[in-house]
Protein backbone atom coordinates (compact mmCIF):
# COMPACT_ATOMS: atom_id res chain seq x y z
CA MET A 1 51.55 194.67 120.02
CA THR A 2 53.14 196.00 117.15
CA PHE A 3 56.11 198.44 116.81
CA THR A 4 53.59 201.10 115.32
CA ASP A 5 51.60 200.68 118.65
CA THR A 6 54.55 201.67 121.02
CA GLN A 7 55.41 204.85 122.60
CA ALA A 8 58.69 204.88 120.91
CA PHE A 9 57.01 205.00 117.55
CA LYS A 10 54.69 207.89 118.52
CA ASP A 11 57.92 209.52 119.71
CA LEU A 12 59.58 209.06 116.39
CA LYS A 13 56.54 210.56 114.57
CA ASP A 14 56.87 213.66 116.83
CA ILE A 15 60.47 214.34 115.94
CA VAL A 16 60.73 213.52 112.17
CA GLN A 17 59.31 216.17 109.65
CA GLY A 18 59.15 213.73 106.69
CA ASP A 19 56.42 211.21 106.20
CA ILE A 20 56.38 207.90 107.87
CA LEU A 21 54.57 204.86 106.33
CA ILE A 22 53.52 201.57 108.12
CA PRO A 23 52.37 198.52 106.57
CA SER A 24 48.70 199.34 106.50
CA ASP A 25 49.50 202.71 104.68
CA ALA A 26 48.95 203.23 100.85
CA GLY A 27 52.41 203.39 99.12
CA TYR A 28 54.12 201.20 101.74
CA GLY A 29 54.67 198.44 99.19
CA ASP A 30 55.94 200.87 96.65
CA ALA A 31 58.26 202.18 99.26
CA LEU A 32 60.00 198.85 100.00
CA LYS A 33 60.73 198.09 96.12
CA ARG A 34 64.37 197.57 95.33
CA TRP A 35 66.28 196.64 92.24
CA SER A 36 65.62 192.83 92.99
CA LYS A 37 62.71 191.23 94.81
CA LEU A 38 65.18 189.38 96.86
CA ALA A 39 66.39 192.56 98.27
CA GLU A 40 63.04 193.59 99.40
CA LYS A 41 62.41 193.03 103.09
CA PRO A 42 59.26 194.08 105.23
CA ALA A 43 59.82 197.05 107.43
CA GLY A 44 58.03 198.32 110.70
CA ALA A 45 58.17 201.69 109.15
CA VAL A 46 59.48 203.56 106.36
CA VAL A 47 60.72 207.16 107.10
CA PHE A 48 61.02 209.54 104.08
CA VAL A 49 63.53 212.10 105.66
CA LYS A 50 63.24 215.59 104.54
CA ASN A 51 66.53 217.08 105.95
CA ASN A 52 69.65 216.31 107.81
CA GLU A 53 67.92 216.85 111.18
CA ASP A 54 65.46 214.07 110.23
CA ILE A 55 68.46 211.74 109.41
CA SER A 56 70.14 212.57 112.79
CA ALA A 57 66.85 212.05 114.63
CA VAL A 58 66.32 208.55 112.86
CA ILE A 59 69.75 207.43 113.51
CA LYS A 60 69.50 208.54 117.15
CA PHE A 61 66.19 206.69 117.44
CA VAL A 62 67.22 203.40 116.28
CA VAL A 63 70.17 203.27 118.45
CA GLU A 64 68.33 204.20 121.52
CA ASN A 65 65.49 201.94 120.74
CA ASN A 66 67.54 198.91 119.41
CA VAL A 67 65.74 198.96 116.20
CA ASP A 68 67.22 197.67 112.94
CA LEU A 69 68.02 200.24 110.14
CA ALA A 70 68.09 199.68 106.46
CA THR A 71 68.83 202.70 104.08
CA LYS A 72 67.94 203.36 100.52
CA GLY A 73 69.39 206.05 98.47
CA MET A 74 67.60 208.06 96.03
CA SER A 75 66.47 206.05 92.84
CA PHE A 76 67.47 207.37 89.38
CA HIS A 77 66.71 206.77 85.92
CA LEU A 78 69.18 206.75 83.07
CA ARG A 79 68.10 208.59 79.83
CA GLU A 80 69.56 208.83 76.54
CA ILE A 81 71.60 211.97 75.93
CA ASP A 82 70.76 213.78 72.61
């Protein structure tokens, strides 16, 4: 049984407003991309939080279910200023 088959994962989907990707979903690989391939690690799920309530819900979920948590801030690109 994988994490995504558990009741805990189903509960997470019910409490988070943002999108959740699992390894079989389109876009999962792109969601894991980091500045270096060495920094990329597989995840049971990737959560795209929509608001502060989502952040709180995810943190509460990982603590209560003893699940590892990794975060990624917003990506940004530098552009030339005219």
